[in-house]
N, C-alpha and C. Protein backbone atom coordinates (compact mmCIF):
# COMPACT_ATOMS: atom_id res chain seq x y z
N MET A 1 17.55 -11.81 9.51
CA MET A 1 16.47 -11.08 8.88
C MET A 1 16.90 -9.62 8.68
N ALA A 2 16.50 -9.06 7.56
CA ALA A 2 16.88 -7.69 7.23
C ALA A 2 16.21 -6.70 8.18
N GLU A 3 16.92 -5.61 8.41
CA GLU A 3 16.42 -4.55 9.27
C GLU A 3 15.17 -3.92 8.64
N LEU A 4 14.17 -3.67 9.47
CA LEU A 4 12.93 -3.05 9.00
C LEU A 4 13.12 -1.54 8.96
N LYS A 5 13.15 -0.98 7.78
CA LYS A 5 13.41 0.44 7.62
C LYS A 5 12.11 1.23 7.68
N PRO A 6 12.17 2.46 8.15
CA PRO A 6 10.96 3.28 8.22
C PRO A 6 10.55 3.79 6.84
N ILE A 7 9.31 4.21 6.75
CA ILE A 7 8.79 4.92 5.58
C ILE A 7 8.72 6.38 5.98
N LEU A 8 9.33 7.25 5.18
CA LEU A 8 9.27 8.68 5.46
C LEU A 8 8.17 9.29 4.61
N LEU A 9 7.16 9.83 5.26
CA LEU A 9 6.03 10.46 4.59
C LEU A 9 6.15 11.97 4.77
N VAL A 10 6.29 12.68 3.65
CA VAL A 10 6.44 14.13 3.68
C VAL A 10 5.17 14.72 3.07
N GLU A 11 4.29 15.20 3.93
CA GLU A 11 2.96 15.67 3.48
C GLU A 11 2.48 16.79 4.38
N ASP A 12 2.04 17.89 3.77
CA ASP A 12 1.55 19.02 4.56
C ASP A 12 0.03 19.15 4.57
N ASN A 13 -0.66 18.43 3.70
CA ASN A 13 -2.12 18.50 3.64
C ASN A 13 -2.71 17.53 4.66
N PRO A 14 -3.44 18.04 5.68
CA PRO A 14 -3.96 17.17 6.75
C PRO A 14 -4.87 16.04 6.24
N LYS A 15 -5.70 16.31 5.24
CA LYS A 15 -6.59 15.26 4.72
C LYS A 15 -5.81 14.17 3.99
N ASP A 16 -4.87 14.58 3.14
CA ASP A 16 -4.05 13.60 2.43
C ASP A 16 -3.20 12.80 3.42
N LEU A 17 -2.70 13.47 4.44
CA LEU A 17 -1.91 12.80 5.47
C LEU A 17 -2.74 11.73 6.18
N GLU A 18 -3.94 12.09 6.59
CA GLU A 18 -4.82 11.14 7.28
C GLU A 18 -5.14 9.94 6.40
N LEU A 19 -5.48 10.18 5.14
CA LEU A 19 -5.80 9.08 4.23
C LEU A 19 -4.59 8.20 3.96
N THR A 20 -3.44 8.82 3.80
CA THR A 20 -2.22 8.05 3.53
C THR A 20 -1.87 7.16 4.71
N LEU A 21 -1.94 7.71 5.90
CA LEU A 21 -1.65 6.91 7.09
C LEU A 21 -2.65 5.75 7.25
N ALA A 22 -3.91 6.02 6.99
CA ALA A 22 -4.93 4.97 7.10
C ALA A 22 -4.67 3.86 6.08
N ALA A 23 -4.30 4.23 4.87
CA ALA A 23 -4.03 3.23 3.83
C ALA A 23 -2.80 2.40 4.18
N LEU A 24 -1.76 3.05 4.67
CA LEU A 24 -0.55 2.31 5.05
C LEU A 24 -0.83 1.37 6.22
N GLU A 25 -1.65 1.84 7.16
CA GLU A 25 -2.02 0.99 8.30
C GLU A 25 -2.82 -0.22 7.83
N GLN A 26 -3.72 -0.02 6.90
CA GLN A 26 -4.55 -1.10 6.36
C GLN A 26 -3.69 -2.13 5.62
N SER A 27 -2.56 -1.69 5.09
CA SER A 27 -1.64 -2.61 4.39
C SER A 27 -0.96 -3.56 5.36
N GLN A 28 -1.05 -3.26 6.65
CA GLN A 28 -0.47 -4.07 7.72
C GLN A 28 1.05 -4.17 7.58
N LEU A 29 1.66 -3.08 7.14
CA LEU A 29 3.12 -3.04 7.09
C LEU A 29 3.64 -2.88 8.50
N ALA A 30 4.73 -3.55 8.80
CA ALA A 30 5.32 -3.43 10.13
C ALA A 30 6.26 -2.22 10.21
N ASN A 31 6.55 -1.63 9.07
CA ASN A 31 7.46 -0.48 9.04
C ASN A 31 6.87 0.69 9.80
N GLU A 32 7.72 1.37 10.56
CA GLU A 32 7.31 2.62 11.20
C GLU A 32 7.12 3.66 10.09
N VAL A 33 6.08 4.48 10.22
CA VAL A 33 5.88 5.58 9.29
C VAL A 33 6.23 6.86 10.03
N VAL A 34 7.25 7.54 9.53
CA VAL A 34 7.68 8.81 10.11
C VAL A 34 7.05 9.92 9.28
N VAL A 35 6.34 10.82 9.94
CA VAL A 35 5.65 11.91 9.24
C VAL A 35 6.36 13.23 9.49
N VAL A 36 6.65 13.93 8.41
CA VAL A 36 7.15 15.30 8.50
C VAL A 36 6.27 16.15 7.59
N ARG A 37 6.12 17.43 7.92
CA ARG A 37 5.13 18.25 7.24
C ARG A 37 5.69 19.32 6.31
N ASP A 38 7.01 19.34 6.15
CA ASP A 38 7.58 20.28 5.18
C ASP A 38 8.93 19.75 4.71
N GLY A 39 9.44 20.35 3.65
CA GLY A 39 10.69 19.89 3.07
C GLY A 39 11.89 20.08 3.96
N GLU A 40 11.89 21.13 4.73
CA GLU A 40 13.00 21.38 5.65
C GLU A 40 13.11 20.28 6.69
N GLU A 41 11.96 19.89 7.24
CA GLU A 41 11.96 18.82 8.24
C GLU A 41 12.34 17.47 7.61
N ALA A 42 11.94 17.27 6.35
CA ALA A 42 12.34 16.05 5.65
C ALA A 42 13.86 15.96 5.55
N LEU A 43 14.49 17.08 5.19
CA LEU A 43 15.95 17.10 5.10
C LEU A 43 16.60 16.93 6.47
N ASP A 44 15.99 17.52 7.49
CA ASP A 44 16.50 17.33 8.86
C ASP A 44 16.46 15.85 9.24
N PHE A 45 15.37 15.16 8.89
CA PHE A 45 15.27 13.74 9.18
C PHE A 45 16.36 12.96 8.42
N LEU A 46 16.45 13.20 7.13
CA LEU A 46 17.39 12.45 6.30
C LEU A 46 18.84 12.68 6.70
N TYR A 47 19.15 13.90 7.14
CA TYR A 47 20.52 14.23 7.52
C TYR A 47 20.75 14.18 9.04
N ARG A 48 19.75 13.69 9.78
CA ARG A 48 19.86 13.54 11.24
C ARG A 48 20.25 14.86 11.90
N ARG A 49 19.46 15.90 11.62
CA ARG A 49 19.70 17.23 12.19
C ARG A 49 18.52 17.63 13.07
N GLY A 50 18.75 18.62 13.91
CA GLY A 50 17.68 19.20 14.71
C GLY A 50 16.95 18.16 15.54
N ALA A 51 15.63 18.15 15.47
CA ALA A 51 14.80 17.23 16.25
C ALA A 51 15.06 15.76 15.89
N HIS A 52 15.68 15.51 14.76
CA HIS A 52 15.92 14.13 14.29
C HIS A 52 17.38 13.70 14.47
N GLU A 53 18.14 14.49 15.20
CA GLU A 53 19.57 14.24 15.37
C GLU A 53 19.85 12.86 15.98
N SER A 54 19.01 12.43 16.89
CA SER A 54 19.28 11.17 17.59
C SER A 54 18.45 9.99 17.05
N ARG A 55 17.85 10.15 15.87
CA ARG A 55 17.05 9.04 15.32
C ARG A 55 17.94 7.85 15.00
N ASN A 56 17.32 6.70 14.82
CA ASN A 56 18.10 5.50 14.51
C ASN A 56 18.80 5.71 13.17
N THR A 57 19.84 4.96 12.93
CA THR A 57 20.71 5.21 11.77
C THR A 57 20.16 4.68 10.45
N SER A 58 19.06 3.96 10.46
CA SER A 58 18.52 3.38 9.25
C SER A 58 17.87 4.44 8.36
N ASP A 59 18.31 4.49 7.10
CA ASP A 59 17.66 5.39 6.15
C ASP A 59 16.32 4.78 5.76
N PRO A 60 15.40 5.60 5.27
CA PRO A 60 14.06 5.09 4.95
C PRO A 60 14.05 4.02 3.85
N ALA A 61 13.08 3.13 3.94
CA ALA A 61 12.83 2.16 2.86
C ALA A 61 12.38 2.92 1.62
N VAL A 62 11.63 3.99 1.84
CA VAL A 62 11.12 4.83 0.76
C VAL A 62 10.74 6.18 1.35
N VAL A 63 10.86 7.22 0.53
CA VAL A 63 10.38 8.54 0.89
C VAL A 63 9.17 8.83 0.01
N LEU A 64 8.00 8.99 0.63
CA LEU A 64 6.80 9.41 -0.08
C LEU A 64 6.74 10.91 0.04
N LEU A 65 6.99 11.61 -1.05
CA LEU A 65 7.28 13.03 -1.03
C LEU A 65 6.24 13.84 -1.80
N ASP A 66 5.59 14.75 -1.11
CA ASP A 66 4.67 15.67 -1.78
C ASP A 66 5.51 16.67 -2.56
N LEU A 67 4.97 17.19 -3.64
CA LEU A 67 5.70 18.13 -4.48
C LEU A 67 5.64 19.55 -3.93
N LYS A 68 4.44 19.99 -3.61
CA LYS A 68 4.23 21.36 -3.14
C LYS A 68 4.27 21.37 -1.62
N LEU A 69 5.40 21.83 -1.07
CA LEU A 69 5.60 21.83 0.38
C LEU A 69 6.02 23.21 0.86
N PRO A 70 5.72 23.52 2.13
CA PRO A 70 6.24 24.77 2.69
C PRO A 70 7.74 24.66 2.98
N LYS A 71 8.38 25.79 3.11
CA LYS A 71 9.80 25.96 3.45
C LYS A 71 10.73 25.49 2.34
N VAL A 72 10.77 24.21 2.05
CA VAL A 72 11.59 23.66 0.97
C VAL A 72 10.68 22.76 0.15
N ASP A 73 10.56 23.01 -1.16
CA ASP A 73 9.60 22.22 -1.95
C ASP A 73 10.15 20.82 -2.26
N GLY A 74 9.26 19.95 -2.71
CA GLY A 74 9.61 18.56 -2.96
C GLY A 74 10.71 18.38 -3.98
N LEU A 75 10.74 19.22 -5.01
CA LEU A 75 11.79 19.10 -6.02
C LEU A 75 13.17 19.39 -5.44
N GLU A 76 13.24 20.35 -4.52
CA GLU A 76 14.52 20.67 -3.89
C GLU A 76 14.97 19.54 -2.97
N VAL A 77 14.02 18.95 -2.24
CA VAL A 77 14.34 17.80 -1.39
C VAL A 77 14.86 16.66 -2.26
N LEU A 78 14.15 16.37 -3.34
CA LEU A 78 14.54 15.30 -4.26
C LEU A 78 15.94 15.55 -4.81
N GLU A 79 16.20 16.78 -5.22
CA GLU A 79 17.50 17.12 -5.78
C GLU A 79 18.63 16.86 -4.77
N LYS A 80 18.42 17.24 -3.53
CA LYS A 80 19.44 17.05 -2.50
C LYS A 80 19.66 15.55 -2.21
N VAL A 81 18.57 14.80 -2.13
CA VAL A 81 18.68 13.36 -1.86
C VAL A 81 19.45 12.66 -2.97
N LYS A 82 19.09 12.94 -4.21
CA LYS A 82 19.71 12.22 -5.33
C LYS A 82 21.13 12.70 -5.64
N ALA A 83 21.51 13.86 -5.11
CA ALA A 83 22.87 14.36 -5.29
C ALA A 83 23.82 13.86 -4.19
N ASP A 84 23.27 13.29 -3.14
CA ASP A 84 24.05 12.86 -1.99
C ASP A 84 24.43 11.38 -2.15
N PRO A 85 25.73 11.06 -2.17
CA PRO A 85 26.15 9.67 -2.34
C PRO A 85 25.62 8.73 -1.26
N HIS A 86 25.35 9.24 -0.06
CA HIS A 86 24.85 8.39 1.02
C HIS A 86 23.34 8.18 0.94
N LEU A 87 22.62 9.02 0.21
CA LEU A 87 21.17 8.92 0.15
C LEU A 87 20.62 8.57 -1.23
N ARG A 88 21.42 8.70 -2.27
CA ARG A 88 20.90 8.61 -3.64
C ARG A 88 20.19 7.30 -3.96
N GLN A 89 20.54 6.22 -3.25
CA GLN A 89 19.88 4.94 -3.51
C GLN A 89 18.55 4.80 -2.77
N THR A 90 18.24 5.75 -1.91
CA THR A 90 16.95 5.72 -1.20
C THR A 90 15.85 6.01 -2.20
N PRO A 91 14.88 5.10 -2.34
CA PRO A 91 13.80 5.35 -3.30
C PRO A 91 12.95 6.55 -2.88
N VAL A 92 12.64 7.39 -3.85
CA VAL A 92 11.78 8.54 -3.62
C VAL A 92 10.61 8.45 -4.58
N VAL A 93 9.41 8.48 -4.01
CA VAL A 93 8.19 8.49 -4.81
C VAL A 93 7.54 9.85 -4.64
N MET A 94 7.42 10.57 -5.74
CA MET A 94 6.74 11.86 -5.71
C MET A 94 5.25 11.55 -5.70
N LEU A 95 4.58 12.01 -4.66
CA LEU A 95 3.16 11.76 -4.47
C LEU A 95 2.49 13.12 -4.46
N THR A 96 1.82 13.47 -5.56
CA THR A 96 1.39 14.84 -5.74
C THR A 96 0.05 14.94 -6.46
N SER A 97 -0.59 16.07 -6.31
CA SER A 97 -1.81 16.32 -7.06
C SER A 97 -1.50 17.08 -8.35
N SER A 98 -0.24 17.43 -8.56
CA SER A 98 0.16 18.18 -9.76
C SER A 98 0.09 17.30 -11.00
N ARG A 99 -0.55 17.81 -12.00
CA ARG A 99 -0.59 17.12 -13.29
C ARG A 99 0.22 17.91 -14.33
N GLU A 100 1.05 18.83 -13.85
CA GLU A 100 1.84 19.64 -14.75
C GLU A 100 3.00 18.82 -15.32
N GLU A 101 3.10 18.82 -16.63
CA GLU A 101 4.14 18.06 -17.30
C GLU A 101 5.53 18.49 -16.84
N SER A 102 5.71 19.79 -16.58
CA SER A 102 7.02 20.28 -16.15
C SER A 102 7.44 19.67 -14.81
N ASP A 103 6.48 19.46 -13.89
CA ASP A 103 6.79 18.81 -12.61
C ASP A 103 7.22 17.36 -12.82
N LEU A 104 6.52 16.68 -13.70
CA LEU A 104 6.84 15.28 -14.02
C LEU A 104 8.22 15.18 -14.64
N VAL A 105 8.49 15.99 -15.64
CA VAL A 105 9.77 15.95 -16.34
C VAL A 105 10.91 16.30 -15.38
N ARG A 106 10.74 17.36 -14.61
CA ARG A 106 11.79 17.79 -13.68
C ARG A 106 12.07 16.72 -12.63
N SER A 107 11.01 16.09 -12.12
CA SER A 107 11.18 15.03 -11.12
C SER A 107 12.04 13.89 -11.67
N TYR A 108 11.75 13.46 -12.89
CA TYR A 108 12.54 12.37 -13.48
C TYR A 108 13.95 12.82 -13.82
N GLU A 109 14.13 14.07 -14.22
CA GLU A 109 15.48 14.59 -14.47
C GLU A 109 16.32 14.54 -13.19
N LEU A 110 15.67 14.76 -12.05
CA LEU A 110 16.38 14.77 -10.77
C LEU A 110 16.56 13.37 -10.18
N GLY A 111 15.94 12.35 -10.80
CA GLY A 111 16.15 10.98 -10.36
C GLY A 111 15.06 10.35 -9.53
N VAL A 112 13.84 10.89 -9.59
CA VAL A 112 12.75 10.29 -8.83
C VAL A 112 12.55 8.83 -9.27
N ASN A 113 12.16 7.98 -8.36
CA ASN A 113 11.94 6.57 -8.68
C ASN A 113 10.54 6.32 -9.23
N ALA A 114 9.59 7.15 -8.83
CA ALA A 114 8.22 7.04 -9.34
C ALA A 114 7.52 8.36 -9.12
N PHE A 115 6.57 8.67 -9.99
CA PHE A 115 5.79 9.90 -9.91
C PHE A 115 4.34 9.47 -9.94
N VAL A 116 3.64 9.67 -8.82
CA VAL A 116 2.26 9.23 -8.70
C VAL A 116 1.37 10.45 -8.48
N VAL A 117 0.40 10.62 -9.39
CA VAL A 117 -0.57 11.70 -9.22
C VAL A 117 -1.66 11.18 -8.29
N LYS A 118 -1.90 11.94 -7.22
CA LYS A 118 -2.90 11.54 -6.24
C LYS A 118 -4.26 11.44 -6.93
N PRO A 119 -4.87 10.26 -6.90
CA PRO A 119 -6.20 10.12 -7.47
C PRO A 119 -7.21 10.99 -6.70
N VAL A 120 -8.21 11.46 -7.41
CA VAL A 120 -9.21 12.33 -6.81
C VAL A 120 -10.14 11.54 -5.89
N GLY A 121 -10.53 10.34 -6.30
CA GLY A 121 -11.47 9.55 -5.52
C GLY A 121 -10.83 8.91 -4.30
N PHE A 122 -11.59 8.81 -3.23
CA PHE A 122 -11.11 8.24 -1.98
C PHE A 122 -10.57 6.83 -2.18
N ARG A 123 -11.35 5.96 -2.78
CA ARG A 123 -10.97 4.55 -2.93
C ARG A 123 -9.71 4.40 -3.77
N GLU A 124 -9.63 5.17 -4.86
CA GLU A 124 -8.46 5.10 -5.73
C GLU A 124 -7.20 5.56 -4.99
N PHE A 125 -7.34 6.64 -4.22
CA PHE A 125 -6.22 7.16 -3.45
C PHE A 125 -5.76 6.12 -2.42
N PHE A 126 -6.72 5.57 -1.72
CA PHE A 126 -6.45 4.56 -0.69
C PHE A 126 -5.72 3.36 -1.29
N ASP A 127 -6.22 2.85 -2.41
CA ASP A 127 -5.61 1.69 -3.07
C ASP A 127 -4.20 2.01 -3.56
N ALA A 128 -4.01 3.20 -4.12
CA ALA A 128 -2.70 3.59 -4.64
C ALA A 128 -1.67 3.62 -3.52
N ILE A 129 -2.03 4.17 -2.37
CA ILE A 129 -1.11 4.25 -1.23
C ILE A 129 -0.78 2.86 -0.71
N GLN A 130 -1.78 2.01 -0.60
CA GLN A 130 -1.52 0.64 -0.14
C GLN A 130 -0.53 -0.06 -1.07
N ASP A 131 -0.75 0.07 -2.37
CA ASP A 131 0.15 -0.57 -3.34
C ASP A 131 1.57 -0.02 -3.24
N LEU A 132 1.69 1.30 -3.08
CA LEU A 132 3.02 1.92 -2.94
C LEU A 132 3.73 1.40 -1.70
N GLY A 133 3.03 1.36 -0.59
CA GLY A 133 3.63 0.90 0.65
C GLY A 133 4.13 -0.53 0.55
N VAL A 134 3.31 -1.40 0.03
CA VAL A 134 3.69 -2.81 -0.09
C VAL A 134 4.86 -2.97 -1.04
N PHE A 135 4.80 -2.29 -2.19
CA PHE A 135 5.89 -2.43 -3.15
C PHE A 135 7.22 -1.96 -2.59
N TRP A 136 7.28 -0.73 -2.10
CA TRP A 136 8.56 -0.17 -1.69
C TRP A 136 9.06 -0.71 -0.36
N ALA A 137 8.17 -1.06 0.56
CA ALA A 137 8.61 -1.53 1.87
C ALA A 137 8.85 -3.03 1.92
N ILE A 138 8.18 -3.79 1.04
CA ILE A 138 8.28 -5.24 1.12
C ILE A 138 8.86 -5.87 -0.15
N LEU A 139 8.29 -5.56 -1.30
CA LEU A 139 8.65 -6.24 -2.53
C LEU A 139 9.95 -5.76 -3.17
N ASN A 140 10.20 -4.47 -3.12
CA ASN A 140 11.40 -3.92 -3.76
C ASN A 140 12.66 -4.42 -3.07
N GLU A 141 13.62 -4.85 -3.86
CA GLU A 141 14.92 -5.30 -3.34
C GLU A 141 15.94 -4.20 -3.60
N PRO A 142 16.33 -3.46 -2.55
CA PRO A 142 17.27 -2.36 -2.75
C PRO A 142 18.68 -2.89 -3.02
N PRO A 143 19.51 -2.05 -3.67
CA PRO A 143 20.88 -2.48 -3.90
C PRO A 143 21.64 -2.53 -2.57
N PRO A 144 22.66 -3.39 -2.48
CA PRO A 144 23.44 -3.46 -1.24
C PRO A 144 24.26 -2.19 -1.03
N ARG A 145 24.45 -1.84 0.23
CA ARG A 145 25.29 -0.68 0.56
C ARG A 145 26.75 -1.12 0.49
N ARG A 146 27.60 -0.26 -0.06
CA ARG A 146 29.02 -0.59 -0.17
C ARG A 146 29.86 0.53 0.40
N ASN A 147 30.91 0.16 1.10
CA ASN A 147 31.86 1.13 1.64
C ASN A 147 31.19 2.27 2.41
N GLY A 148 30.18 1.95 3.18
CA GLY A 148 29.49 2.96 3.98
C GLY A 148 28.59 3.86 3.18
N ILE A 149 28.43 3.58 1.88
CA ILE A 149 27.57 4.42 1.02
C ILE A 149 26.30 3.68 0.73
């Protein structure tokens, strides 16, 4: 059986964080959800630095990434992930309240796998998160790793 990879949730808004965690829990995914609250900590997790130095070696099944983050913004995190040969195949879903076309265009230029605008309504937001979790953690078939990459 394939290794169960964690879901990395990068979110600084406490309300969005709470709703996202509740929706993922309701999906009954067995994947661990790792929460970080800024872009710097997301990079520390992905590169096994600082507080995340001794984490397990499995890269995330998916990174749910907020766009507007403290310290290092979501676009910079995305750029670093997609430029790194060891991380570029990790799916990144931009999960944001931004409806700015420039954010959407830039995200796709940098290689985002999906760009989801957070729905305003509670039920819509909840349903969107559940669908994202199930798709990326269960249904999506990632490419095989080759030569340690």
